[in-house]
């Protein structure tokens, strides 16, 4: 499924059925999307992955690794923060 916003297409909510994996359905879908939108001012965003095999799959389409800053706030009471360590 693709969502669009500000010259970006986000490839999210990917569901892989074992039959789809063996038939190359995801490859075909992404390839068709890239061909249909080639030359347009649009960026295809795969939303990244912590799963190495999925990251490798995305890189096969020319995806580049991009790091985004994140802020984590722990609002637990101090005694729970201590237990969490």
PDB file of N, CA and C in Angstrom:
ATOM      1  N   UNK A   1       0.847  -1.158   0.000  1.00  0.00           N
ATOM      2  CA  UNK A   1       0.000   0.000   0.000  1.00  0.00           C
ATOM      3  C   UNK A   1       0.903   1.234   0.000  1.00  0.00           C
ATOM      4  N   UNK A   2       0.522   2.205  -0.769  1.00  0.00           N
ATOM      5  CA  UNK A   2       1.279   3.448  -0.859  1.00  0.00           C
ATOM      6  C   UNK A   2       0.433   4.600  -0.311  1.00  0.00           C
ATOM      7  N   UNK A   3       1.040   5.460   0.480  1.00  0.00           N
ATOM      8  CA  UNK A   3       0.428   6.708   0.912  1.00  0.00           C
ATOM      9  C   UNK A   3       1.266   7.834   0.325  1.00  0.00           C
ATOM     10  N   UNK A   4       0.618   8.930  -0.003  1.00  0.00           N
ATOM     11  CA  UNK A   4       1.295  10.040  -0.656  1.00  0.00           C
ATOM     12  C   UNK A   4       1.198  11.297   0.190  1.00  0.00           C
ATOM     13  N   UNK A   5       2.313  12.026   0.279  1.00  0.00           N
ATOM     14  CA  UNK A   5       2.341  13.294   0.987  1.00  0.00           C
ATOM     15  C   UNK A   5       3.581  14.073   0.567  1.00  0.00           C
ATOM     16  N   UNK A   6       3.376  15.303   0.136  1.00  0.00           N
ATOM     17  CA  UNK A   6       4.479  16.229  -0.151  1.00  0.00           C
ATOM     18  C   UNK A   6       5.578  15.615  -1.018  1.00  0.00           C
ATOM     19  N   UNK A   7       5.243  15.195  -2.194  1.00  0.00           N
ATOM     20  CA  UNK A   7       6.197  14.623  -3.149  1.00  0.00           C
ATOM     21  C   UNK A   7       6.904  13.373  -2.625  1.00  0.00           C
ATOM     22  N   UNK A   8       6.261  12.673  -1.728  1.00  0.00           N
ATOM     23  CA  UNK A   8       6.776  11.398  -1.222  1.00  0.00           C
ATOM     24  C   UNK A   8       5.692  10.345  -1.331  1.00  0.00           C
ATOM     25  N   UNK A   9       6.121   9.155  -1.673  1.00  0.00           N
ATOM     26  CA  UNK A   9       5.233   7.996  -1.651  1.00  0.00           C
ATOM     27  C   UNK A   9       5.781   7.061  -0.582  1.00  0.00           C
ATOM     28  N   UNK A  10       4.959   6.716   0.383  1.00  0.00           N
ATOM     29  CA  UNK A  10       5.365   5.853   1.484  1.00  0.00           C
ATOM     30  C   UNK A  10       4.850   4.444   1.227  1.00  0.00           C
ATOM     31  N   UNK A  11       5.763   3.482   1.172  1.00  0.00           N
ATOM     32  CA  UNK A  11       5.411   2.079   0.966  1.00  0.00           C
ATOM     33  C   UNK A  11       5.277   1.440   2.345  1.00  0.00           C
ATOM     34  N   UNK A  12       4.025   1.287   2.792  1.00  0.00           N
ATOM     35  CA  UNK A  12       3.788   0.770   4.141  1.00  0.00           C
ATOM     36  C   UNK A  12       2.710  -0.300   4.122  1.00  0.00           C
ATOM     37  N   UNK A  13       2.483  -0.865   5.260  1.00  0.00           N
ATOM     38  CA  UNK A  13       1.464  -1.907   5.451  1.00  0.00           C
ATOM     39  C   UNK A  13       1.665  -3.055   4.479  1.00  0.00           C
ATOM     40  N   UNK A  14       2.884  -3.501   4.403  1.00  0.00           N
ATOM     41  CA  UNK A  14       3.216  -4.588   3.495  1.00  0.00           C
ATOM     42  C   UNK A  14       2.833  -5.905   4.153  1.00  0.00           C
ATOM     43  N   UNK A  15       1.992  -6.665   3.489  1.00  0.00           N
ATOM     44  CA  UNK A  15       1.630  -7.990   3.978  1.00  0.00           C
ATOM     45  C   UNK A  15       2.151  -9.014   2.994  1.00  0.00           C
ATOM     46  N   UNK A  16       2.914  -9.956   3.478  1.00  0.00           N
ATOM     47  CA  UNK A  16       3.480 -10.963   2.582  1.00  0.00           C
ATOM     48  C   UNK A  16       2.885 -12.326   2.876  1.00  0.00           C
ATOM     49  N   UNK A  17       2.188 -12.832   1.924  1.00  0.00           N
ATOM     50  CA  UNK A  17       1.677 -14.195   1.982  1.00  0.00           C
ATOM     51  C   UNK A  17       2.758 -15.085   1.375  1.00  0.00           C
ATOM     52  N   UNK A  18       2.946 -16.293   1.889  1.00  0.00           N
ATOM     53  CA  UNK A  18       3.997 -17.162   1.321  1.00  0.00           C
ATOM     54  C   UNK A  18       3.897 -17.339  -0.196  1.00  0.00           C
ATOM     55  N   UNK A  19       2.675 -17.399  -0.736  1.00  0.00           N
ATOM     56  CA  UNK A  19       2.523 -17.524  -2.188  1.00  0.00           C
ATOM     57  C   UNK A  19       3.012 -16.271  -2.905  1.00  0.00           C
ATOM     58  N   UNK A  20       2.761 -15.108  -2.291  1.00  0.00           N
ATOM     59  CA  UNK A  20       3.216 -13.858  -2.885  1.00  0.00           C
ATOM     60  C   UNK A  20       4.722 -13.744  -2.891  1.00  0.00           C
ATOM     61  N   UNK A  21       5.354 -14.257  -1.840  1.00  0.00           N
ATOM     62  CA  UNK A  21       6.821 -14.218  -1.778  1.00  0.00           C
ATOM     63  C   UNK A  21       7.433 -15.056  -2.887  1.00  0.00           C
ATOM     64  N   UNK A  22       6.889 -16.247  -3.090  1.00  0.00           N
ATOM     65  CA  UNK A  22       7.473 -17.131  -4.106  1.00  0.00           C
ATOM     66  C   UNK A  22       7.195 -16.646  -5.520  1.00  0.00           C
ATOM     67  N   UNK A  23       6.105 -15.903  -5.708  1.00  0.00           N
ATOM     68  CA  UNK A  23       5.781 -15.418  -7.052  1.00  0.00           C
ATOM     69  C   UNK A  23       6.447 -14.083  -7.374  1.00  0.00           C
ATOM     70  N   UNK A  24       7.031 -13.437  -6.361  1.00  0.00           N
ATOM     71  CA  UNK A  24       7.691 -12.154  -6.593  1.00  0.00           C
ATOM     72  C   UNK A  24       6.720 -10.995  -6.687  1.00  0.00           C
ATOM     73  N   UNK A  25       5.573 -11.100  -6.012  1.00  0.00           N
ATOM     74  CA  UNK A  25       4.543 -10.061  -6.094  1.00  0.00           C
ATOM     75  C   UNK A  25       5.046  -8.709  -5.597  1.00  0.00           C
ATOM     76  N   UNK A  26       5.777  -8.694  -4.485  1.00  0.00           N
ATOM     77  CA  UNK A  26       6.296  -7.424  -3.956  1.00  0.00           C
ATOM     78  C   UNK A  26       7.280  -6.785  -4.925  1.00  0.00           C
ATOM     79  N   UNK A  27       8.146  -7.607  -5.518  1.00  0.00           N
ATOM     80  CA  UNK A  27       9.089  -7.090  -6.515  1.00  0.00           C
ATOM     81  C   UNK A  27       8.331  -6.433  -7.662  1.00  0.00           C
ATOM     82  N   UNK A  28       7.319  -7.126  -8.164  1.00  0.00           N
ATOM     83  CA  UNK A  28       6.560  -6.624  -9.312  1.00  0.00           C
ATOM     84  C   UNK A  28       5.830  -5.334  -8.967  1.00  0.00           C
ATOM     85  N   UNK A  29       5.239  -5.269  -7.774  1.00  0.00           N
ATOM     86  CA  UNK A  29       4.500  -4.079  -7.361  1.00  0.00           C
ATOM     87  C   UNK A  29       5.416  -2.863  -7.259  1.00  0.00           C
ATOM     88  N   UNK A  30       6.546  -3.027  -6.592  1.00  0.00           N
ATOM     89  CA  UNK A  30       7.479  -1.910  -6.432  1.00  0.00           C
ATOM     90  C   UNK A  30       8.077  -1.514  -7.771  1.00  0.00           C
ATOM     91  N   UNK A  31       8.441  -2.482  -8.583  1.00  0.00           N
ATOM     92  CA  UNK A  31       9.010  -2.200  -9.901  1.00  0.00           C
ATOM     93  C   UNK A  31       8.018  -1.429 -10.769  1.00  0.00           C
ATOM     94  N   UNK A  32       6.752  -1.844 -10.760  1.00  0.00           N
ATOM     95  CA  UNK A  32       5.729  -1.147 -11.550  1.00  0.00           C
ATOM     96  C   UNK A  32       5.533   0.277 -11.046  1.00  0.00           C
ATOM     97  N   UNK A  33       5.551   0.460  -9.728  1.00  0.00           N
ATOM     98  CA  UNK A  33       5.399   1.796  -9.160  1.00  0.00           C
ATOM     99  C   UNK A  33       6.545   2.699  -9.600  1.00  0.00           C
ATOM    100  N   UNK A  34       7.765   2.177  -9.543  1.00  0.00           N
ATOM    101  CA  UNK A  34       8.935   2.967  -9.940  1.00  0.00           C
ATOM    102  C   UNK A  34       8.854   3.335 -11.419  1.00  0.00           C
ATOM    103  N   UNK A  35       8.482   2.388 -12.264  1.00  0.00           N
ATOM    104  CA  UNK A  35       8.359   2.667 -13.701  1.00  0.00           C
ATOM    105  C   UNK A  35       7.283   3.702 -13.979  1.00  0.00           C
ATOM    106  N   UNK A  36       6.143   3.601 -13.291  1.00  0.00           N
ATOM    107  CA  UNK A  36       5.038   4.542 -13.505  1.00  0.00           C
ATOM    108  C   UNK A  36       5.377   5.955 -13.055  1.00  0.00           C
ATOM    109  N   UNK A  37       6.272   6.078 -12.084  1.00  0.00           N
ATOM    110  CA  UNK A  37       6.569   7.392 -11.519  1.00  0.00           C
ATOM    111  C   UNK A  37       7.967   7.899 -11.843  1.00  0.00           C
ATOM    112  N   UNK A  38       8.676   7.200 -12.710  1.00  0.00           N
ATOM    113  CA  UNK A  38      10.017   7.634 -13.114  1.00  0.00           C
ATOM    114  C   UNK A  38       9.931   8.998 -13.788  1.00  0.00           C
ATOM    115  N   UNK A  39      10.847   9.857 -13.446  1.00  0.00           N
ATOM    116  CA  UNK A  39      10.886  11.182 -14.050  1.00  0.00           C
ATOM    117  C   UNK A  39      10.017  12.202 -13.336  1.00  0.00           C
ATOM    118  N   UNK A  40       9.232  11.771 -12.380  1.00  0.00           N
ATOM    119  CA  UNK A  40       8.401  12.694 -11.603  1.00  0.00           C
ATOM    120  C   UNK A  40       9.190  13.159 -10.385  1.00  0.00           C
ATOM    121  N   UNK A  41       8.811  14.293  -9.870  1.00  0.00           N
ATOM    122  CA  UNK A  41       9.456  14.835  -8.679  1.00  0.00           C
ATOM    123  C   UNK A  41       8.855  14.147  -7.446  1.00  0.00           C
ATOM    124  N   UNK A  42       9.211  12.869  -7.265  1.00  0.00           N
ATOM    125  CA  UNK A  42       8.657  12.090  -6.167  1.00  0.00           C
ATOM    126  C   UNK A  42       9.731  11.177  -5.593  1.00  0.00           C
ATOM    127  N   UNK A  43       9.688  10.998  -4.289  1.00  0.00           N
ATOM    128  CA  UNK A  43      10.620  10.131  -3.588  1.00  0.00           C
ATOM    129  C   UNK A  43       9.840   8.940  -3.040  1.00  0.00           C
ATOM    130  N   UNK A  44      10.343   7.743  -3.273  1.00  0.00           N
ATOM    131  CA  UNK A  44       9.729   6.537  -2.730  1.00  0.00           C
ATOM    132  C   UNK A  44      10.397   6.231  -1.396  1.00  0.00           C
ATOM    133  N   UNK A  45       9.609   6.269  -0.337  1.00  0.00           N
ATOM    134  CA  UNK A  45      10.110   6.064   1.022  1.00  0.00           C
ATOM    135  C   UNK A  45       9.647   4.697   1.511  1.00  0.00           C
ATOM    136  N   UNK A  46      10.607   3.800   1.784  1.00  0.00           N
ATOM    137  CA  UNK A  46      10.276   2.453   2.235  1.00  0.00           C
ATOM    138  C   UNK A  46      10.030   2.378   3.739  1.00  0.00           C
ATOM    139  N   UNK A  47      10.173   3.494   4.449  1.00  0.00           N
ATOM    140  CA  UNK A  47       9.940   3.529   5.892  1.00  0.00           C
ATOM    141  C   UNK A  47      10.936   2.699   6.680  1.00  0.00           C
ATOM    142  N   UNK A  48      12.001   2.261   6.069  1.00  0.00           N
ATOM    143  CA  UNK A  48      13.070   1.559   6.765  1.00  0.00           C
ATOM    144  C   UNK A  48      12.686   0.202   7.318  1.00  0.00           C
ATOM    145  N   UNK A  49      13.657  -0.477   7.859  1.00  0.00           N
ATOM    146  CA  UNK A  49      13.407  -1.768   8.480  1.00  0.00           C
ATOM    147  C   UNK A  49      14.562  -2.153   9.382  1.00  0.00           C
ATOM    148  N   UNK A  50      14.223  -2.726  10.528  1.00  0.00           N
ATOM    149  CA  UNK A  50      15.235  -3.278  11.427  1.00  0.00           C
ATOM    150  C   UNK A  50      15.508  -4.739  11.094  1.00  0.00           C
ATOM    151  N   UNK A  51      14.761  -5.280  10.151  1.00  0.00           N
ATOM    152  CA  UNK A  51      14.934  -6.666   9.732  1.00  0.00           C
ATOM    153  C   UNK A  51      15.943  -6.684   8.583  1.00  0.00           C
ATOM    154  N   UNK A  52      17.101  -7.302   8.781  1.00  0.00           N
ATOM    155  CA  UNK A  52      18.166  -7.250   7.766  1.00  0.00           C
ATOM    156  C   UNK A  52      17.736  -7.729   6.380  1.00  0.00           C
ATOM    157  N   UNK A  53      16.958  -8.799   6.301  1.00  0.00           N
ATOM    158  CA  UNK A  53      16.555  -9.304   4.983  1.00  0.00           C
ATOM    159  C   UNK A  53      15.628  -8.328   4.274  1.00  0.00           C
ATOM    160  N   UNK A  54      14.771  -7.652   5.025  1.00  0.00           N
ATOM    161  CA  UNK A  54      13.871  -6.666   4.424  1.00  0.00           C
ATOM    162  C   UNK A  54      14.649  -5.426   3.994  1.00  0.00           C
ATOM    163  N   UNK A  55      15.602  -5.001   4.808  1.00  0.00           N
ATOM    164  CA  UNK A  55      16.450  -3.865   4.441  1.00  0.00           C
ATOM    165  C   UNK A  55      17.236  -4.183   3.172  1.00  0.00           C
ATOM    166  N   UNK A  56      17.717  -5.415   3.059  1.00  0.00           N
ATOM    167  CA  UNK A  56      18.439  -5.835   1.856  1.00  0.00           C
ATOM    168  C   UNK A  56      17.513  -5.812   0.638  1.00  0.00           C
ATOM    169  N   UNK A  57      16.286  -6.279   0.812  1.00  0.00           N
ATOM    170  CA  UNK A  57      15.298  -6.263  -0.271  1.00  0.00           C
ATOM    171  C   UNK A  57      15.070  -4.835  -0.761  1.00  0.00           C
ATOM    172  N   UNK A  58      14.875  -3.905   0.166  1.00  0.00           N
ATOM    173  CA  UNK A  58      14.664  -2.507  -0.213  1.00  0.00           C
ATOM    174  C   UNK A  58      15.900  -1.931  -0.904  1.00  0.00           C
ATOM    175  N   UNK A  59      17.081  -2.317  -0.441  1.00  0.00           N
ATOM    176  CA  UNK A  59      18.304  -1.784  -1.051  1.00  0.00           C
ATOM    177  C   UNK A  59      18.464  -2.259  -2.492  1.00  0.00           C
ATOM    178  N   UNK A  60      17.833  -3.377  -2.842  1.00  0.00           N
ATOM    179  CA  UNK A  60      17.926  -3.869  -4.221  1.00  0.00           C
ATOM    180  C   UNK A  60      17.216  -2.940  -5.203  1.00  0.00           C
ATOM    181  N   UNK A  61      16.379  -2.035  -4.680  1.00  0.00           N
ATOM    182  CA  UNK A  61      15.714  -1.043  -5.524  1.00  0.00           C
ATOM    183  C   UNK A  61      16.426   0.302  -5.478  1.00  0.00           C
ATOM    184  N   UNK A  62      17.592   0.336  -4.861  1.00  0.00           N
ATOM    185  CA  UNK A  62      18.363   1.571  -4.787  1.00  0.00           C
ATOM    186  C   UNK A  62      18.089   2.380  -3.532  1.00  0.00           C
ATOM    187  N   UNK A  63      17.412   1.780  -2.558  1.00  0.00           N
ATOM    188  CA  UNK A  63      17.129   2.494  -1.311  1.00  0.00           C
ATOM    189  C   UNK A  63      18.432   2.845  -0.611  1.00  0.00           C
ATOM    190  N   UNK A  64      18.455   4.010  -0.003  1.00  0.00           N
ATOM    191  CA  UNK A  64      19.622   4.465   0.737  1.00  0.00           C
ATOM    192  C   UNK A  64      19.288   4.519   2.216  1.00  0.00           C
ATOM    193  N   UNK A  65      20.255   4.130   3.036  1.00  0.00           N
ATOM    194  CA  UNK A  65      20.076   4.156   4.487  1.00  0.00           C
ATOM    195  C   UNK A  65      20.070   5.602   4.960  1.00  0.00           C
ATOM    196  N   UNK A  66      19.067   5.966   5.735  1.00  0.00           N
ATOM    197  CA  UNK A  66      18.957   7.327   6.247  1.00  0.00           C
ATOM    198  C   UNK A  66      18.630   7.248   7.733  1.00  0.00           C
ATOM    199  N   UNK A  67      19.360   7.992   8.540  1.00  0.00           N
ATOM    200  CA  UNK A  67      19.152   7.973   9.984  1.00  0.00           C
ATOM    201  C   UNK A  67      18.365   9.212  10.387  1.00  0.00           C
ATOM    202  N   UNK A  68      17.341   8.988  11.201  1.00  0.00           N
ATOM    203  CA  UNK A  68      16.513  10.072  11.699  1.00  0.00           C
ATOM    204  C   UNK A  68      16.716  10.200  13.201  1.00  0.00           C
ATOM    205  N   UNK A  69      16.818  11.426  13.702  1.00  0.00           N
ATOM    206  CA  UNK A  69      16.965  11.594  15.147  1.00  0.00           C
ATOM    207  C   UNK A  69      15.673  11.198  15.864  1.00  0.00           C
ATOM    208  N   UNK A  70      15.831  10.697  17.072  1.00  0.00           N
ATOM    209  CA  UNK A  70      14.671  10.306  17.870  1.00  0.00           C
ATOM    210  C   UNK A  70      14.881  10.759  19.307  1.00  0.00           C
ATOM    211  N   UNK A  71      13.803  11.078  19.956  1.00  0.00           N
ATOM    212  CA  UNK A  71      13.836  11.505  21.343  1.00  0.00           C
ATOM    213  C   UNK A  71      12.970  10.550  22.147  1.00  0.00           C
ATOM    214  N   UNK A  72      13.543  10.008  23.211  1.00  0.00           N
ATOM    215  CA  UNK A  72      12.808   9.076  24.063  1.00  0.00           C
ATOM    216  C   UNK A  72      12.689   9.701  25.445  1.00  0.00           C
ATOM    217  N   UNK A  73      11.467   9.865  25.904  1.00  0.00           N
ATOM    218  CA  UNK A  73      11.220  10.470  27.210  1.00  0.00           C
ATOM    219  C   UNK A  73      10.643   9.407  28.134  1.00  0.00           C
ATOM    220  N   UNK A  74      11.283   9.227  29.259  1.00  0.00           N
ATOM    221  CA  UNK A  74      10.826   8.266  30.253  1.00  0.00           C
ATOM    222  C   UNK A  74      10.153   9.035  31.383  1.00  0.00           C
ATOM    223  N   UNK A  75       8.845   8.927  31.477  1.00  0.00           N
ATOM    224  CA  UNK A  75       8.102   9.671  32.498  1.00  0.00           C
ATOM    225  C   UNK A  75       7.663   8.780  33.662  1.00  0.00           C
ATOM    226  N   UNK A  76       8.340   7.685  33.827  1.00  0.00           N
ATOM    227  CA  UNK A  76       8.046   6.823  34.963  1.00  0.00           C
ATOM    228  C   UNK A  76       8.523   7.488  36.252  1.00  0.00           C
ATOM    229  N   UNK A  77       7.907   7.169  37.377  1.00  0.00           N
ATOM    230  CA  UNK A  77       8.420   7.679  38.653  1.00  0.00           C
ATOM    231  C   UNK A  77       9.853   7.183  38.878  1.00  0.00           C
ATOM    232  N   UNK A  78      10.638   7.928  39.662  1.00  0.00           N
ATOM    233  CA  UNK A  78      12.066   7.618  39.825  1.00  0.00           C
ATOM    234  C   UNK A  78      12.311   6.193  40.300  1.00  0.00           C
ATOM    235  N   UNK A  79      11.460   5.666  41.181  1.00  0.00           N
ATOM    236  CA  UNK A  79      11.682   4.311  41.693  1.00  0.00           C
ATOM    237  C   UNK A  79      11.454   3.257  40.611  1.00  0.00           C
ATOM    238  N   UNK A  80      10.577   3.508  39.665  1.00  0.00           N
ATOM    239  CA  UNK A  80      10.385   2.576  38.554  1.00  0.00           C
ATOM    240  C   UNK A  80      11.510   2.702  37.531  1.00  0.00           C
ATOM    241  N   UNK A  81      12.009   3.904  37.356  1.00  0.00           N
ATOM    242  CA  UNK A  81      13.159   4.091  36.465  1.00  0.00           C
ATOM    243  C   UNK A  81      14.352   3.295  36.992  1.00  0.00           C
ATOM    244  N   UNK A  82      14.541   3.326  38.309  1.00  0.00           N
ATOM    245  CA  UNK A  82      15.647   2.604  38.927  1.00  0.00           C
ATOM    246  C   UNK A  82      15.484   1.103  38.717  1.00  0.00           C
ATOM    247  N   UNK A  83      14.266   0.592  38.865  1.00  0.00           N
ATOM    248  CA  UNK A  83      14.010  -0.836  38.663  1.00  0.00           C
ATOM    249  C   UNK A  83      14.200  -1.251  37.212  1.00  0.00           C
ATOM    250  N   UNK A  84      13.909  -0.351  36.325  1.00  0.00           N
ATOM    251  CA  UNK A  84      14.005  -0.648  34.893  1.00  0.00           C
ATOM    252  C   UNK A  84      15.450  -0.851  34.449  1.00  0.00           C
ATOM    253  N   UNK A  85      16.394  -0.210  35.146  1.00  0.00           N
ATOM    254  CA  UNK A  85      17.808  -0.343  34.784  1.00  0.00           C
ATOM    255  C   UNK A  85      18.221  -1.739  35.034  1.00  0.00           C
TER     256      UNK A  85
END
